[in-house]
Amino acid sequence: MKAFLDRHLRPCRWITDQFLLGFLITVVLILLGQILGNILSTIFTELLYGQISAAPEFFQTGMMYGLFIGIWIIVLLVMCIPKNRPMFKTLGTSLRGNNLKMSLFGILLGFAMNALCVAVSILNHDVALYFNDFHIGIFLFLLLTVFIQSSAEELAMRSYYYEKLRRRYRNPVLAFIFTSFGFSIMHVGNPDMTAWGLLQVMLIGVQLVILVHYYDSLWAAFWVHTSWNFTQSILFGLPNSGVVVPYSVFKVDAASTGFFFDAGNGVEGSPGACIVVTIVAVLLFLYAKKKNLKPHDIWQEQELAAKTNAAAAEQNQPA
């Protein structure tokens, strides 16, 4: 039994790194973060406008995303636990992929995937849009708030939960599967969610974890997620996680379900989006293999220390 565990599990693991328990802990942290974020956003709104209904549409939209700042606070606090502190490496520039180049790549990739699906939907007459409003200040404010929301989810799932799995399981494929499946499960309760929608969320989860694992770029995952959500909801005014926000540059004039568009979920609930996301994920994977990109393992020091301690304990055992 010990030999089996040594082959598949790492000695630096915690009991809370088990995939199901780790997922439940992550969900609890997200829920606590949303509660904290709601409190902070309510205080902020009351200071400026008295109540949310008195705030302009762009501010109401911003607060829908900005409240996710609570997740950042809660997860970062948990990462401060001594044995979790290596997780902070995923946020810094010590990893080769956390740089401006990969951030810009993430922005372009998220926009390109979503805009392609929207463009095909317009050409197929599945959706018609009309121009609503544009102000550069509002545009940048909402980009910031969408970044807070999207990066908070990535911090929780692709930094905290993913790295907990990597600390436990030797085979990174398990971390890929559990993280992506867990990300999809978290969206089950979204309004008008469909099987295609859940599949698309899982597939983009795979794509994002490829960026984190092979490209050492949590920053790219931040921006792909941000750009996808921002393009869909703020730019085109389509449902994002089943919700249409109050303010957007364009708004929907008419919509019907097609191959690249779902009337309730927007492009992210369509078979076409699943295909686009899958193709990009495969290309990212093949490029990483071609370039022989080796992921950085933030748990190497802890694993070595655990092995050393175990060997010392074994030597000190009485004969």
C-alpha atoms as a PDB file:
ATOM      1  CA  MET A   1       0.000   0.000   0.000  1.00  0.00           C
ATOM      2  CA  LYS A   2       2.831   2.379   0.896  1.00  0.00           C
ATOM      3  CA  ALA A   3       4.523   1.698  -2.435  1.00  0.00           C
ATOM      4  CA  PHE A   4       1.264   2.461  -4.275  1.00  0.00           C
ATOM      5  CA  LEU A   5       0.811   5.749  -2.401  1.00  0.00           C
ATOM      6  CA  ASP A   6       4.421   6.741  -3.031  1.00  0.00           C
ATOM      7  CA  ARG A   7       3.941   6.200  -6.775  1.00  0.00           C
ATOM      8  CA  HIS A   8       0.812   8.347  -7.015  1.00  0.00           C
ATOM      9  CA  LEU A   9       0.866  10.779  -4.081  1.00  0.00           C
ATOM     10  CA  ARG A  10       3.494  13.308  -3.049  1.00  0.00           C
ATOM     11  CA  PRO A  11       4.918  13.306   0.499  1.00  0.00           C
ATOM     12  CA  CYS A  12       4.321  17.061   0.913  1.00  0.00           C
ATOM     13  CA  ARG A  13       0.533  16.644   0.558  1.00  0.00           C
ATOM     14  CA  TRP A  14      -2.082  17.786   3.065  1.00  0.00           C
ATOM     15  CA  ILE A  15      -5.235  15.821   3.812  1.00  0.00           C
ATOM     16  CA  THR A  16      -7.234  18.830   2.558  1.00  0.00           C
ATOM     17  CA  ASP A  17      -5.599  18.444  -0.874  1.00  0.00           C
ATOM     18  CA  GLN A  18      -7.812  15.443  -1.641  1.00  0.00           C
ATOM     19  CA  PHE A  19      -9.770  16.424  -4.752  1.00  0.00           C
ATOM     20  CA  LEU A  20     -13.291  16.409  -3.268  1.00  0.00           C
ATOM     21  CA  LEU A  21     -12.396  17.992   0.059  1.00  0.00           C
ATOM     22  CA  GLY A  22     -10.193  20.546  -1.694  1.00  0.00           C
ATOM     23  CA  PHE A  23     -13.045  21.462  -4.016  1.00  0.00           C
ATOM     24  CA  LEU A  24     -15.501  21.877  -1.147  1.00  0.00           C
ATOM     25  CA  ILE A  25     -13.034  24.119   0.685  1.00  0.00           C
ATOM     26  CA  THR A  26     -12.559  26.191  -2.476  1.00  0.00           C
ATOM     27  CA  VAL A  27     -16.322  26.595  -2.894  1.00  0.00           C
ATOM     28  CA  VAL A  28     -16.645  27.699   0.734  1.00  0.00           C
ATOM     29  CA  LEU A  29     -13.883  30.273   0.247  1.00  0.00           C
ATOM     30  CA  ILE A  30     -15.649  31.598  -2.866  1.00  0.00           C
ATOM     31  CA  LEU A  31     -18.975  31.856  -1.011  1.00  0.00           C
ATOM     32  CA  LEU A  32     -17.324  33.633   1.931  1.00  0.00           C
ATOM     33  CA  GLY A  33     -15.614  35.955  -0.539  1.00  0.00           C
ATOM     34  CA  GLN A  34     -18.918  36.786  -2.209  1.00  0.00           C
ATOM     35  CA  ILE A  35     -20.493  37.559   1.166  1.00  0.00           C
ATOM     36  CA  LEU A  36     -17.590  39.853   2.053  1.00  0.00           C
ATOM     37  CA  GLY A  37     -17.701  41.409  -1.416  1.00  0.00           C
ATOM     38  CA  ASN A  38     -21.423  42.092  -1.108  1.00  0.00           C
ATOM     39  CA  ILE A  39     -20.836  43.860   2.198  1.00  0.00           C
ATOM     40  CA  LEU A  40     -18.001  45.974   0.776  1.00  0.00           C
ATOM     41  CA  SER A  41     -19.894  46.842  -2.433  1.00  0.00           C
ATOM     42  CA  THR A  42     -22.994  47.816  -0.426  1.00  0.00           C
ATOM     43  CA  ILE A  43     -20.943  50.142   1.780  1.00  0.00           C
ATOM     44  CA  PHE A  44     -19.222  51.647  -1.268  1.00  0.00           C
ATOM     45  CA  THR A  45     -22.533  52.127  -3.089  1.00  0.00           C
ATOM     46  CA  GLU A  46     -24.217  53.715  -0.078  1.00  0.00           C
ATOM     47  CA  LEU A  47     -21.344  56.176   0.313  1.00  0.00           C
ATOM     48  CA  LEU A  48     -21.686  57.295  -3.316  1.00  0.00           C
ATOM     49  CA  TYR A  49     -25.381  56.923  -4.168  1.00  0.00           C
ATOM     50  CA  GLY A  50     -27.288  55.963  -1.031  1.00  0.00           C
ATOM     51  CA  GLN A  51     -28.686  52.788  -2.617  1.00  0.00           C
ATOM     52  CA  ILE A  52     -27.948  50.670  -5.669  1.00  0.00           C
ATOM     53  CA  SER A  53     -31.220  51.577  -7.420  1.00  0.00           C
ATOM     54  CA  ALA A  54     -30.143  55.238  -7.430  1.00  0.00           C
ATOM     55  CA  ALA A  55     -26.805  54.435  -9.089  1.00  0.00           C
ATOM     56  CA  PRO A  56     -26.356  54.738 -12.868  1.00  0.00           C
ATOM     57  CA  GLU A  57     -26.484  51.577 -14.964  1.00  0.00           C
ATOM     58  CA  PHE A  58     -22.731  51.449 -15.540  1.00  0.00           C
ATOM     59  CA  PHE A  59     -22.086  51.555 -11.775  1.00  0.00           C
ATOM     60  CA  GLN A  60     -24.678  48.852 -11.084  1.00  0.00           C
ATOM     61  CA  THR A  61     -22.951  46.728 -13.713  1.00  0.00           C
ATOM     62  CA  GLY A  62     -19.558  47.409 -12.202  1.00  0.00           C
ATOM     63  CA  MET A  63     -20.704  46.379  -8.738  1.00  0.00           C
ATOM     64  CA  MET A  64     -22.059  43.072 -10.111  1.00  0.00           C
ATOM     65  CA  TYR A  65     -18.468  42.231 -11.043  1.00  0.00           C
ATOM     66  CA  GLY A  66     -16.545  44.273  -8.495  1.00  0.00           C
ATOM     67  CA  LEU A  67     -18.006  42.489  -5.483  1.00  0.00           C
ATOM     68  CA  PHE A  68     -15.753  39.544  -6.362  1.00  0.00           C
ATOM     69  CA  ILE A  69     -12.943  41.490  -4.693  1.00  0.00           C
ATOM     70  CA  GLY A  70     -14.052  39.631  -1.567  1.00  0.00           C
ATOM     71  CA  ILE A  71     -12.844  36.354  -3.107  1.00  0.00           C
ATOM     72  CA  TRP A  72      -9.410  37.891  -3.663  1.00  0.00           C
ATOM     73  CA  ILE A  73      -9.249  38.907  -0.005  1.00  0.00           C
ATOM     74  CA  ILE A  74     -10.387  35.554   1.408  1.00  0.00           C
ATOM     75  CA  VAL A  75      -8.233  33.369  -0.857  1.00  0.00           C
ATOM     76  CA  LEU A  76      -5.124  35.483  -0.314  1.00  0.00           C
ATOM     77  CA  LEU A  77      -5.630  35.218   3.449  1.00  0.00           C
ATOM     78  CA  VAL A  78      -5.805  31.411   3.190  1.00  0.00           C
ATOM     79  CA  MET A  79      -2.704  31.410   0.989  1.00  0.00           C
ATOM     80  CA  CYS A  80      -0.885  33.168   3.853  1.00  0.00           C
ATOM     81  CA  ILE A  81      -1.004  29.927   5.853  1.00  0.00           C
ATOM     82  CA  PRO A  82       2.682  28.860   5.995  1.00  0.00           C
ATOM     83  CA  LYS A  83       2.278  25.618   4.030  1.00  0.00           C
ATOM     84  CA  ASN A  84       0.247  27.443   1.361  1.00  0.00           C
ATOM     85  CA  ARG A  85       2.700  30.288   0.848  1.00  0.00           C
ATOM     86  CA  PRO A  86       4.389  28.755  -2.244  1.00  0.00           C
ATOM     87  CA  MET A  87       1.059  29.449  -4.012  1.00  0.00           C
ATOM     88  CA  PHE A  88       2.037  33.125  -4.058  1.00  0.00           C
ATOM     89  CA  LYS A  89       4.671  32.197  -6.662  1.00  0.00           C
ATOM     90  CA  THR A  90       1.854  31.678  -9.168  1.00  0.00           C
ATOM     91  CA  LEU A  91       1.072  35.407  -8.913  1.00  0.00           C
ATOM     92  CA  GLY A  92       4.585  36.764  -9.342  1.00  0.00           C
ATOM     93  CA  THR A  93       7.008  37.317 -12.183  1.00  0.00           C
ATOM     94  CA  SER A  94       9.308  34.504 -11.037  1.00  0.00           C
ATOM     95  CA  LEU A  95       7.242  32.273 -13.318  1.00  0.00           C
ATOM     96  CA  ARG A  96       8.279  32.806 -16.934  1.00  0.00           C
ATOM     97  CA  GLY A  97       4.739  33.258 -18.273  1.00  0.00           C
ATOM     98  CA  ASN A  98       3.628  35.989 -15.882  1.00  0.00           C
ATOM     99  CA  ASN A  99       4.582  38.902 -18.092  1.00  0.00           C
ATOM    100  CA  LEU A 100       3.125  41.627 -20.317  1.00  0.00           C
ATOM    101  CA  LYS A 101       3.441  39.532 -23.482  1.00  0.00           C
ATOM    102  CA  MET A 102       1.321  36.682 -22.142  1.00  0.00           C
ATOM    103  CA  SER A 103      -1.164  39.132 -20.638  1.00  0.00           C
ATOM    104  CA  LEU A 104      -1.673  40.776 -24.037  1.00  0.00           C
ATOM    105  CA  PHE A 105      -1.929  37.331 -25.617  1.00  0.00           C
ATOM    106  CA  GLY A 106      -4.665  36.469 -23.100  1.00  0.00           C
ATOM    107  CA  ILE A 107      -6.591  39.657 -23.904  1.00  0.00           C
ATOM    108  CA  LEU A 108      -6.435  39.005 -27.645  1.00  0.00           C
ATOM    109  CA  LEU A 109      -7.282  35.317 -27.297  1.00  0.00           C
ATOM    110  CA  GLY A 110     -10.347  35.891 -25.115  1.00  0.00           C
ATOM    111  CA  PHE A 111     -11.604  38.621 -27.444  1.00  0.00           C
ATOM    112  CA  ALA A 112     -10.913  36.644 -30.628  1.00  0.00           C
ATOM    113  CA  MET A 113     -12.729  33.502 -29.471  1.00  0.00           C
ATOM    114  CA  ASN A 114     -15.809  35.349 -28.262  1.00  0.00           C
ATOM    115  CA  ALA A 115     -15.942  37.859 -31.119  1.00  0.00           C
ATOM    116  CA  LEU A 116     -15.643  35.050 -33.684  1.00  0.00           C
ATOM    117  CA  CYS A 117     -18.675  33.286 -32.205  1.00  0.00           C
ATOM    118  CA  VAL A 118     -20.624  36.565 -32.104  1.00  0.00           C
ATOM    119  CA  ALA A 119     -19.665  37.438 -35.693  1.00  0.00           C
ATOM    120  CA  VAL A 120     -20.841  34.052 -37.000  1.00  0.00           C
ATOM    121  CA  SER A 121     -24.063  34.410 -34.997  1.00  0.00           C
ATOM    122  CA  ILE A 122     -24.721  37.812 -36.581  1.00  0.00           C
ATOM    123  CA  LEU A 123     -23.999  36.474 -40.078  1.00  0.00           C
ATOM    124  CA  ASN A 124     -26.376  33.560 -39.423  1.00  0.00           C
ATOM    125  CA  HIS A 125     -29.036  36.062 -38.219  1.00  0.00           C
ATOM    126  CA  ASP A 126     -29.180  34.365 -34.821  1.00  0.00           C
ATOM    127  CA  VAL A 127     -28.611  37.675 -33.060  1.00  0.00           C
ATOM    128  CA  ALA A 128     -29.019  41.341 -34.001  1.00  0.00           C
ATOM    129  CA  LEU A 129     -27.314  44.147 -32.069  1.00  0.00           C
ATOM    130  CA  TYR A 130     -27.674  47.898 -31.890  1.00  0.00           C
ATOM    131  CA  PHE A 131     -25.284  50.540 -30.529  1.00  0.00           C
ATOM    132  CA  ASN A 132     -26.181  51.779 -27.059  1.00  0.00           C
ATOM    133  CA  ASP A 133     -23.446  53.930 -25.534  1.00  0.00           C
ATOM    134  CA  PHE A 134     -19.680  54.377 -25.214  1.00  0.00           C
ATOM    135  CA  HIS A 135     -17.521  56.425 -22.849  1.00  0.00           C
ATOM    136  CA  ILE A 136     -13.845  55.607 -22.446  1.00  0.00           C
ATOM    137  CA  GLY A 137     -13.907  56.186 -18.674  1.00  0.00           C
ATOM    138  CA  ILE A 138     -16.873  53.854 -18.191  1.00  0.00           C
ATOM    139  CA  PHE A 139     -15.277  51.343 -20.569  1.00  0.00           C
ATOM    140  CA  LEU A 140     -12.053  51.216 -18.515  1.00  0.00           C
ATOM    141  CA  PHE A 141     -13.927  51.159 -15.187  1.00  0.00           C
ATOM    142  CA  LEU A 142     -15.933  48.134 -16.298  1.00  0.00           C
ATOM    143  CA  LEU A 143     -12.822  46.441 -17.702  1.00  0.00           C
ATOM    144  CA  LEU A 144     -11.287  46.764 -14.234  1.00  0.00           C
ATOM    145  CA  THR A 145     -14.349  45.351 -12.467  1.00  0.00           C
ATOM    146  CA  VAL A 146     -14.671  42.445 -14.913  1.00  0.00           C
ATOM    147  CA  PHE A 147     -10.970  41.745 -14.330  1.00  0.00           C
ATOM    148  CA  ILE A 148     -11.629  41.625 -10.574  1.00  0.00           C
ATOM    149  CA  GLN A 149     -14.415  39.069 -11.097  1.00  0.00           C
ATOM    150  CA  SER A 150     -12.645  36.892 -13.663  1.00  0.00           C
ATOM    151  CA  SER A 151      -9.239  36.904 -11.967  1.00  0.00           C
ATOM    152  CA  ALA A 152     -10.883  36.106  -8.607  1.00  0.00           C
ATOM    153  CA  GLU A 153     -12.340  32.917 -10.085  1.00  0.00           C
ATOM    154  CA  GLU A 154      -8.954  32.067 -11.606  1.00  0.00           C
ATOM    155  CA  LEU A 155      -7.182  32.739  -8.319  1.00  0.00           C
ATOM    156  CA  ALA A 156      -9.528  30.372  -6.515  1.00  0.00           C
ATOM    157  CA  MET A 157      -9.615  27.615  -9.143  1.00  0.00           C
ATOM    158  CA  ARG A 158      -6.385  27.802 -11.174  1.00  0.00           C
ATOM    159  CA  SER A 159      -4.087  28.951  -8.370  1.00  0.00           C
ATOM    160  CA  TYR A 160      -5.441  27.767  -5.021  1.00  0.00           C
ATOM    161  CA  TYR A 161      -7.419  24.611  -5.936  1.00  0.00           C
ATOM    162  CA  TYR A 162      -5.167  23.554  -8.824  1.00  0.00           C
ATOM    163  CA  GLU A 163      -2.019  23.921  -6.735  1.00  0.00           C
ATOM    164  CA  LYS A 164      -3.587  21.968  -3.865  1.00  0.00           C
ATOM    165  CA  LEU A 165      -4.118  19.110  -6.318  1.00  0.00           C
ATOM    166  CA  ARG A 166      -0.570  19.443  -7.642  1.00  0.00           C
ATOM    167  CA  ARG A 167       0.716  19.263  -4.068  1.00  0.00           C
ATOM    168  CA  ARG A 168      -1.076  15.934  -3.597  1.00  0.00           C
ATOM    169  CA  TYR A 169      -1.054  14.057  -6.908  1.00  0.00           C
ATOM    170  CA  ARG A 170       2.054  13.259  -8.919  1.00  0.00           C
ATOM    171  CA  ASN A 171       0.138  13.004 -12.190  1.00  0.00           C
ATOM    172  CA  PRO A 172      -0.834  16.539 -13.329  1.00  0.00           C
ATOM    173  CA  VAL A 173      -3.617  15.097 -15.499  1.00  0.00           C
ATOM    174  CA  LEU A 174      -5.656  14.587 -12.326  1.00  0.00           C
ATOM    175  CA  ALA A 175      -5.307  18.281 -11.495  1.00  0.00           C
ATOM    176  CA  PHE A 176      -6.395  19.126 -15.058  1.00  0.00           C
ATOM    177  CA  ILE A 177      -9.496  16.954 -14.821  1.00  0.00           C
ATOM    178  CA  PHE A 178     -10.623  17.864 -11.296  1.00  0.00           C
ATOM    179  CA  THR A 179     -10.023  21.608 -11.744  1.00  0.00           C
ATOM    180  CA  SER A 180     -11.871  21.801 -15.063  1.00  0.00           C
ATOM    181  CA  PHE A 181     -14.748  19.583 -13.918  1.00  0.00           C
ATOM    182  CA  GLY A 182     -15.042  21.522 -10.656  1.00  0.00           C
ATOM    183  CA  PHE A 183     -15.109  24.811 -12.573  1.00  0.00           C
ATOM    184  CA  SER A 184     -18.001  23.490 -14.627  1.00  0.00           C
ATOM    185  CA  ILE A 185     -19.890  22.254 -11.547  1.00  0.00           C
ATOM    186  CA  MET A 186     -19.644  25.730 -10.022  1.00  0.00           C
ATOM    187  CA  HIS A 187     -21.704  27.067 -12.945  1.00  0.00           C
ATOM    188  CA  VAL A 188     -24.550  24.519 -12.725  1.00  0.00           C
ATOM    189  CA  GLY A 189     -26.801  27.031 -10.978  1.00  0.00           C
ATOM    190  CA  ASN A 190     -26.414  29.743 -13.622  1.00  0.00           C
ATOM    191  CA  PRO A 191     -29.711  30.947 -15.162  1.00  0.00           C
ATOM    192  CA  ASP A 192     -30.735  29.031 -18.309  1.00  0.00           C
ATOM    193  CA  MET A 193     -27.706  26.742 -18.063  1.00  0.00           C
ATOM    194  CA  THR A 194     -27.629  23.955 -20.662  1.00  0.00           C
ATOM    195  CA  ALA A 195     -25.530  20.850 -21.270  1.00  0.00           C
ATOM    196  CA  TRP A 196     -23.649  22.729 -24.006  1.00  0.00           C
ATOM    197  CA  GLY A 197     -23.044  25.574 -21.579  1.00  0.00           C
ATOM    198  CA  LEU A 198     -21.585  23.266 -18.929  1.00  0.00           C
ATOM    199  CA  LEU A 199     -19.414  21.558 -21.534  1.00  0.00           C
ATOM    200  CA  GLN A 200     -18.122  24.912 -22.781  1.00  0.00           C
ATOM    201  CA  VAL A 201     -17.237  26.003 -19.246  1.00  0.00           C
ATOM    202  CA  MET A 202     -15.345  22.750 -18.681  1.00  0.00           C
ATOM    203  CA  LEU A 203     -13.503  23.061 -22.005  1.00  0.00           C
ATOM    204  CA  ILE A 204     -12.412  26.627 -21.375  1.00  0.00           C
ATOM    205  CA  GLY A 205     -11.330  25.440 -17.932  1.00  0.00           C
ATOM    206  CA  VAL A 206      -9.021  22.950 -19.677  1.00  0.00           C
ATOM    207  CA  GLN A 207      -7.719  25.719 -21.925  1.00  0.00           C
ATOM    208  CA  LEU A 208      -6.992  27.967 -18.953  1.00  0.00           C
ATOM    209  CA  VAL A 209      -5.227  25.250 -16.977  1.00  0.00           C
ATOM    210  CA  ILE A 210      -3.053  24.540 -20.031  1.00  0.00           C
ATOM    211  CA  LEU A 211      -1.918  28.169 -19.876  1.00  0.00           C
ATOM    212  CA  VAL A 212      -1.209  27.814 -16.150  1.00  0.00           C
ATOM    213  CA  HIS A 213       0.530  24.423 -16.360  1.00  0.00           C
ATOM    214  CA  TYR A 214       2.539  24.516 -19.589  1.00  0.00           C
ATOM    215  CA  TYR A 215       3.004  28.258 -20.054  1.00  0.00           C
ATOM    216  CA  ASP A 216       3.480  29.125 -16.367  1.00  0.00           C
ATOM    217  CA  SER A 217       1.041  31.986 -16.839  1.00  0.00           C
ATOM    218  CA  LEU A 218      -1.727  32.602 -14.366  1.00  0.00           C
ATOM    219  CA  TRP A 219      -1.709  36.137 -15.779  1.00  0.00           C
ATOM    220  CA  ALA A 220      -2.725  34.829 -19.221  1.00  0.00           C
ATOM    221  CA  ALA A 221      -5.560  32.854 -17.591  1.00  0.00           C
ATOM    222  CA  PHE A 222      -6.654  36.041 -15.788  1.00  0.00           C
ATOM    223  CA  TRP A 223      -6.882  37.938 -19.052  1.00  0.00           C
ATOM    224  CA  VAL A 224      -8.423  35.232 -21.254  1.00  0.00           C
ATOM    225  CA  HIS A 225     -11.215  34.893 -18.705  1.00  0.00           C
ATOM    226  CA  THR A 226     -11.552  38.678 -18.372  1.00  0.00           C
ATOM    227  CA  SER A 227     -11.525  39.336 -22.099  1.00  0.00           C
ATOM    228  CA  TRP A 228     -14.064  36.578 -22.805  1.00  0.00           C
ATOM    229  CA  ASN A 229     -16.503  37.899 -20.177  1.00  0.00           C
ATOM    230  CA  PHE A 230     -15.938  41.549 -21.052  1.00  0.00           C
ATOM    231  CA  THR A 231     -16.389  40.995 -24.793  1.00  0.00           C
ATOM    232  CA  GLN A 232     -19.577  39.042 -24.294  1.00  0.00           C
ATOM    233  CA  SER A 233     -21.307  41.145 -21.624  1.00  0.00           C
ATOM    234  CA  ILE A 234     -19.925  44.689 -21.679  1.00  0.00           C
ATOM    235  CA  LEU A 235     -19.060  45.020 -25.361  1.00  0.00           C
ATOM    236  CA  PHE A 236     -21.863  43.041 -27.029  1.00  0.00           C
ATOM    237  CA  GLY A 237     -24.481  43.032 -24.258  1.00  0.00           C
ATOM    238  CA  LEU A 238     -25.001  39.266 -24.397  1.00  0.00           C
ATOM    239  CA  PRO A 239     -25.745  36.974 -21.433  1.00  0.00           C
ATOM    240  CA  ASN A 240     -22.670  36.218 -19.327  1.00  0.00           C
ATOM    241  CA  SER A 241     -23.229  33.185 -17.107  1.00  0.00           C
ATOM    242  CA  GLY A 242     -26.894  33.579 -18.052  1.00  0.00           C
ATOM    243  CA  VAL A 243     -27.120  37.203 -16.860  1.00  0.00           C
ATOM    244  CA  VAL A 244     -27.545  40.306 -19.031  1.00  0.00           C
ATOM    245  CA  VAL A 245     -25.937  43.316 -17.329  1.00  0.00           C
ATOM    246  CA  PRO A 246     -27.665  46.736 -17.171  1.00  0.00           C
ATOM    247  CA  TYR A 247     -24.976  48.606 -19.140  1.00  0.00           C
ATOM    248  CA  SER A 248     -23.219  47.555 -22.346  1.00  0.00           C
ATOM    249  CA  VAL A 249     -21.808  49.218 -25.456  1.00  0.00           C
ATOM    250  CA  PHE A 250     -24.134  47.219 -27.708  1.00  0.00           C
ATOM    251  CA  LYS A 251     -27.465  45.674 -26.817  1.00  0.00           C
ATOM    252  CA  VAL A 252     -29.451  42.791 -28.249  1.00  0.00           C
ATOM    253  CA  ASP A 253     -32.251  43.738 -30.636  1.00  0.00           C
ATOM    254  CA  ALA A 254     -33.315  40.168 -31.449  1.00  0.00           C
ATOM    255  CA  ALA A 255     -31.960  36.696 -30.672  1.00  0.00           C
ATOM    256  CA  SER A 256     -32.678  33.057 -31.441  1.00  0.00           C
ATOM    257  CA  THR A 257     -30.791  29.850 -30.741  1.00  0.00           C
ATOM    258  CA  GLY A 258     -28.346  28.719 -33.432  1.00  0.00           C
ATOM    259  CA  PHE A 259     -25.135  26.722 -33.765  1.00  0.00           C
ATOM    260  CA  PHE A 260     -23.009  29.556 -32.356  1.00  0.00           C
ATOM    261  CA  PHE A 261     -25.603  31.192 -30.123  1.00  0.00           C
ATOM    262  CA  ASP A 262     -27.934  30.196 -27.302  1.00  0.00           C
ATOM    263  CA  ALA A 263     -30.825  32.547 -26.563  1.00  0.00           C
ATOM    264  CA  GLY A 264     -30.417  32.110 -22.803  1.00  0.00           C
ATOM    265  CA  ASN A 265     -26.649  31.739 -22.476  1.00  0.00           C
ATOM    266  CA  GLY A 266     -25.282  33.713 -25.403  1.00  0.00           C
ATOM    267  CA  VAL A 267     -22.385  32.304 -27.389  1.00  0.00           C
ATOM    268  CA  GLU A 268     -20.945  30.472 -24.375  1.00  0.00           C
ATOM    269  CA  GLY A 269     -23.849  28.024 -24.366  1.00  0.00           C
ATOM    270  CA  SER A 270     -23.445  26.959 -28.000  1.00  0.00           C
ATOM    271  CA  PRO A 271     -21.916  23.944 -29.777  1.00  0.00           C
ATOM    272  CA  GLY A 272     -19.903  26.352 -31.934  1.00  0.00           C
ATOM    273  CA  ALA A 273     -18.222  27.911 -28.900  1.00  0.00           C
ATOM    274  CA  CYS A 274     -17.311  24.431 -27.633  1.00  0.00           C
ATOM    275  CA  ILE A 275     -15.597  23.699 -30.941  1.00  0.00           C
ATOM    276  CA  VAL A 276     -13.720  27.016 -30.981  1.00  0.00           C
ATOM    277  CA  VAL A 277     -12.508  26.625 -27.383  1.00  0.00           C
ATOM    278  CA  THR A 278     -11.468  23.005 -28.019  1.00  0.00           C
ATOM    279  CA  ILE A 279      -9.467  23.893 -31.136  1.00  0.00           C
ATOM    280  CA  VAL A 280      -7.619  26.659 -29.271  1.00  0.00           C
ATOM    281  CA  ALA A 281      -6.909  24.339 -26.322  1.00  0.00           C
ATOM    282  CA  VAL A 282      -5.495  21.661 -28.653  1.00  0.00           C
ATOM    283  CA  LEU A 283      -3.319  24.217 -30.457  1.00  0.00           C
ATOM    284  CA  LEU A 284      -1.983  25.563 -27.160  1.00  0.00           C
ATOM    285  CA  PHE A 285      -1.201  22.027 -26.006  1.00  0.00           C
ATOM    286  CA  LEU A 286       0.523  21.037 -29.270  1.00  0.00           C
ATOM    287  CA  TYR A 287       2.604  24.225 -29.306  1.00  0.00           C
ATOM    288  CA  ALA A 288       3.702  23.607 -25.716  1.00  0.00           C
ATOM    289  CA  LYS A 289       4.735  20.060 -26.621  1.00  0.00           C
ATOM    290  CA  LYS A 290       6.556  21.239 -29.753  1.00  0.00           C
ATOM    291  CA  LYS A 291       8.507  23.819 -27.749  1.00  0.00           C
ATOM    292  CA  ASN A 292       9.034  21.273 -24.964  1.00  0.00           C
ATOM    293  CA  LEU A 293       7.756  23.726 -22.373  1.00  0.00           C
ATOM    294  CA  LYS A 294       8.490  22.424 -18.890  1.00  0.00           C
ATOM    295  CA  PRO A 295       6.130  23.642 -16.148  1.00  0.00           C
ATOM    296  CA  HIS A 296       7.553  25.049 -12.950  1.00  0.00           C
ATOM    297  CA  ASP A 297       6.771  22.964  -9.882  1.00  0.00           C
ATOM    298  CA  ILE A 298       6.269  25.243  -6.878  1.00  0.00           C
ATOM    299  CA  TRP A 299       6.211  22.257  -4.490  1.00  0.00           C
ATOM    300  CA  GLN A 300       9.686  20.855  -5.200  1.00  0.00           C
ATOM    301  CA  GLU A 301      11.275  22.276  -2.051  1.00  0.00           C
ATOM    302  CA  GLN A 302       8.408  21.057   0.154  1.00  0.00           C
ATOM    303  CA  GLU A 303       8.550  17.601  -1.432  1.00  0.00           C
ATOM    304  CA  LEU A 304      12.305  17.357  -0.876  1.00  0.00           C
ATOM    305  CA  ALA A 305      11.917  18.496   2.741  1.00  0.00           C
ATOM    306  CA  ALA A 306       9.149  15.935   3.333  1.00  0.00           C
ATOM    307  CA  LYS A 307      11.318  13.147   1.876  1.00  0.00           C
ATOM    308  CA  THR A 308      14.272  14.188   4.028  1.00  0.00           C
ATOM    309  CA  ASN A 309      12.143  14.273   7.177  1.00  0.00           C
ATOM    310  CA  ALA A 310      10.614  10.894   6.388  1.00  0.00           C
ATOM    311  CA  ALA A 311      14.035   9.343   5.802  1.00  0.00           C
ATOM    312  CA  ALA A 312      15.353  10.792   9.052  1.00  0.00           C
ATOM    313  CA  ALA A 313      12.323   9.499  10.975  1.00  0.00           C
ATOM    314  CA  GLU A 314      12.803   6.036   9.455  1.00  0.00           C
ATOM    315  CA  GLN A 315      16.457   5.955  10.492  1.00  0.00           C
ATOM    316  CA  ASN A 316      15.569   6.941  14.051  1.00  0.00           C
ATOM    317  CA  GLN A 317      13.036   4.155  14.470  1.00  0.00           C
ATOM    318  CA  PRO A 318      14.153   1.499  16.988  1.00  0.00           C
ATOM    319  CA  ALA A 319      15.277  -1.805  15.498  1.00  0.00           C
END
